[in-house]
Amino acid sequence: SSVERDQRLMISWFGIRGIGSLFYLLLVIRHDVPEEIARVLLSVTLWVIAVSVVVHGVSVTALMNWYRVHKPHAQ
């Protein structure tokens, strides 16, 4: 890929996170997982997504400032 390593890292950090988790959760639930286990998996998945959103939201300014300082050509 022509994308630099630092750019790939930034893309991976800010990329879509929860969609894959929800997809796999629904795939597992669709394959007749007992309701009790499905509820636990749903709860854990939604909590992880929520924490991920908060962590990414809190860190975005610091990471973008770091990137701007270390990559002067980036806009």
C-alpha atoms as a PDB file:
ATOM      1  CA  SER A   1       0.000   0.000   0.000  1.00  0.00           C
ATOM      2  CA  SER A   2       1.157   3.540  -0.660  1.00  0.00           C
ATOM      3  CA  VAL A   3      -0.178   4.643   2.741  1.00  0.00           C
ATOM      4  CA  GLU A   4       2.594   5.364   5.236  1.00  0.00           C
ATOM      5  CA  ARG A   5       2.872   3.318   8.430  1.00  0.00           C
ATOM      6  CA  ASP A   6       1.830   6.219  10.672  1.00  0.00           C
ATOM      7  CA  GLN A   7      -1.212   6.844   8.505  1.00  0.00           C
ATOM      8  CA  ARG A   8      -2.158   3.155   8.626  1.00  0.00           C
ATOM      9  CA  LEU A   9      -1.915   3.253  12.425  1.00  0.00           C
ATOM     10  CA  MET A  10      -4.161   6.306  12.556  1.00  0.00           C
ATOM     11  CA  ILE A  11      -6.659   4.668  10.212  1.00  0.00           C
ATOM     12  CA  SER A  12      -6.720   1.487  12.288  1.00  0.00           C
ATOM     13  CA  TRP A  13      -7.253   3.463  15.503  1.00  0.00           C
ATOM     14  CA  PHE A  14     -10.114   5.594  14.181  1.00  0.00           C
ATOM     15  CA  GLY A  15     -11.708   2.976  11.895  1.00  0.00           C
ATOM     16  CA  ILE A  16     -15.165   1.501  12.366  1.00  0.00           C
ATOM     17  CA  ARG A  17     -15.009  -0.676  15.471  1.00  0.00           C
ATOM     18  CA  GLY A  18     -18.457  -1.768  16.519  1.00  0.00           C
ATOM     19  CA  ILE A  19     -19.839  -2.985  13.199  1.00  0.00           C
ATOM     20  CA  GLY A  20     -17.668  -6.113  13.094  1.00  0.00           C
ATOM     21  CA  SER A  21     -18.471  -6.882  16.728  1.00  0.00           C
ATOM     22  CA  LEU A  22     -22.201  -6.615  16.110  1.00  0.00           C
ATOM     23  CA  PHE A  23     -21.952  -8.701  12.948  1.00  0.00           C
ATOM     24  CA  TYR A  24     -20.204 -11.563  14.736  1.00  0.00           C
ATOM     25  CA  LEU A  25     -22.514 -11.280  17.728  1.00  0.00           C
ATOM     26  CA  LEU A  26     -25.587 -11.613  15.512  1.00  0.00           C
ATOM     27  CA  LEU A  27     -23.971 -14.459  13.595  1.00  0.00           C
ATOM     28  CA  VAL A  28     -23.438 -16.374  16.834  1.00  0.00           C
ATOM     29  CA  ILE A  29     -26.954 -15.615  18.107  1.00  0.00           C
ATOM     30  CA  ARG A  30     -28.446 -16.739  14.788  1.00  0.00           C
ATOM     31  CA  HIS A  31     -26.811 -20.148  15.272  1.00  0.00           C
ATOM     32  CA  ASP A  32     -29.115 -21.050  18.171  1.00  0.00           C
ATOM     33  CA  VAL A  33     -27.041 -19.957  21.142  1.00  0.00           C
ATOM     34  CA  PRO A  34     -29.077 -20.380  24.349  1.00  0.00           C
ATOM     35  CA  GLU A  35     -30.926 -17.172  25.260  1.00  0.00           C
ATOM     36  CA  GLU A  36     -29.042 -16.717  28.544  1.00  0.00           C
ATOM     37  CA  ILE A  37     -25.672 -16.823  26.764  1.00  0.00           C
ATOM     38  CA  ALA A  38     -26.957 -14.554  23.988  1.00  0.00           C
ATOM     39  CA  ARG A  39     -27.999 -11.934  26.569  1.00  0.00           C
ATOM     40  CA  VAL A  40     -24.565 -12.044  28.214  1.00  0.00           C
ATOM     41  CA  LEU A  41     -22.817 -11.758  24.840  1.00  0.00           C
ATOM     42  CA  LEU A  42     -25.055  -8.850  23.854  1.00  0.00           C
ATOM     43  CA  SER A  43     -24.362  -7.031  27.113  1.00  0.00           C
ATOM     44  CA  VAL A  44     -20.601  -7.525  26.908  1.00  0.00           C
ATOM     45  CA  THR A  45     -20.478  -6.502  23.244  1.00  0.00           C
ATOM     46  CA  LEU A  46     -22.468  -3.311  23.808  1.00  0.00           C
ATOM     47  CA  TRP A  47     -20.330  -2.365  26.818  1.00  0.00           C
ATOM     48  CA  VAL A  48     -17.120  -2.909  24.847  1.00  0.00           C
ATOM     49  CA  ILE A  49     -18.440  -0.763  22.008  1.00  0.00           C
ATOM     50  CA  ALA A  50     -19.462   1.989  24.453  1.00  0.00           C
ATOM     51  CA  VAL A  51     -16.058   1.964  26.176  1.00  0.00           C
ATOM     52  CA  SER A  52     -14.345   2.004  22.782  1.00  0.00           C
ATOM     53  CA  VAL A  53     -16.335   5.077  21.723  1.00  0.00           C
ATOM     54  CA  VAL A  54     -15.382   6.899  24.943  1.00  0.00           C
ATOM     55  CA  VAL A  55     -11.687   5.953  24.732  1.00  0.00           C
ATOM     56  CA  HIS A  56     -11.467   6.962  21.097  1.00  0.00           C
ATOM     57  CA  GLY A  57     -13.356  10.187  21.760  1.00  0.00           C
ATOM     58  CA  VAL A  58     -11.077  11.154  24.639  1.00  0.00           C
ATOM     59  CA  SER A  59      -7.882  10.301  22.772  1.00  0.00           C
ATOM     60  CA  VAL A  60      -8.653  11.800  19.376  1.00  0.00           C
ATOM     61  CA  THR A  61      -7.402  15.338  20.103  1.00  0.00           C
ATOM     62  CA  ALA A  62      -4.131  14.202  21.667  1.00  0.00           C
ATOM     63  CA  LEU A  63      -3.429  11.739  18.861  1.00  0.00           C
ATOM     64  CA  MET A  64      -4.220  14.244  16.125  1.00  0.00           C
ATOM     65  CA  ASN A  65      -1.995  16.857  17.795  1.00  0.00           C
ATOM     66  CA  TRP A  66       0.843  14.318  18.022  1.00  0.00           C
ATOM     67  CA  TYR A  67       0.354  13.374  14.384  1.00  0.00           C
ATOM     68  CA  ARG A  68       0.362  17.032  13.292  1.00  0.00           C
ATOM     69  CA  VAL A  69       3.635  17.704  15.157  1.00  0.00           C
ATOM     70  CA  HIS A  70       5.405  14.586  13.891  1.00  0.00           C
ATOM     71  CA  LYS A  71       4.063  14.758  10.349  1.00  0.00           C
ATOM     72  CA  PRO A  72       4.378  18.424   9.286  1.00  0.00           C
ATOM     73  CA  HIS A  73       3.203  17.619   5.754  1.00  0.00           C
ATOM     74  CA  ALA A  74      -0.125  16.299   7.100  1.00  0.00           C
ATOM     75  CA  GLN A  75      -3.033  18.719   6.999  1.00  0.00           C
END
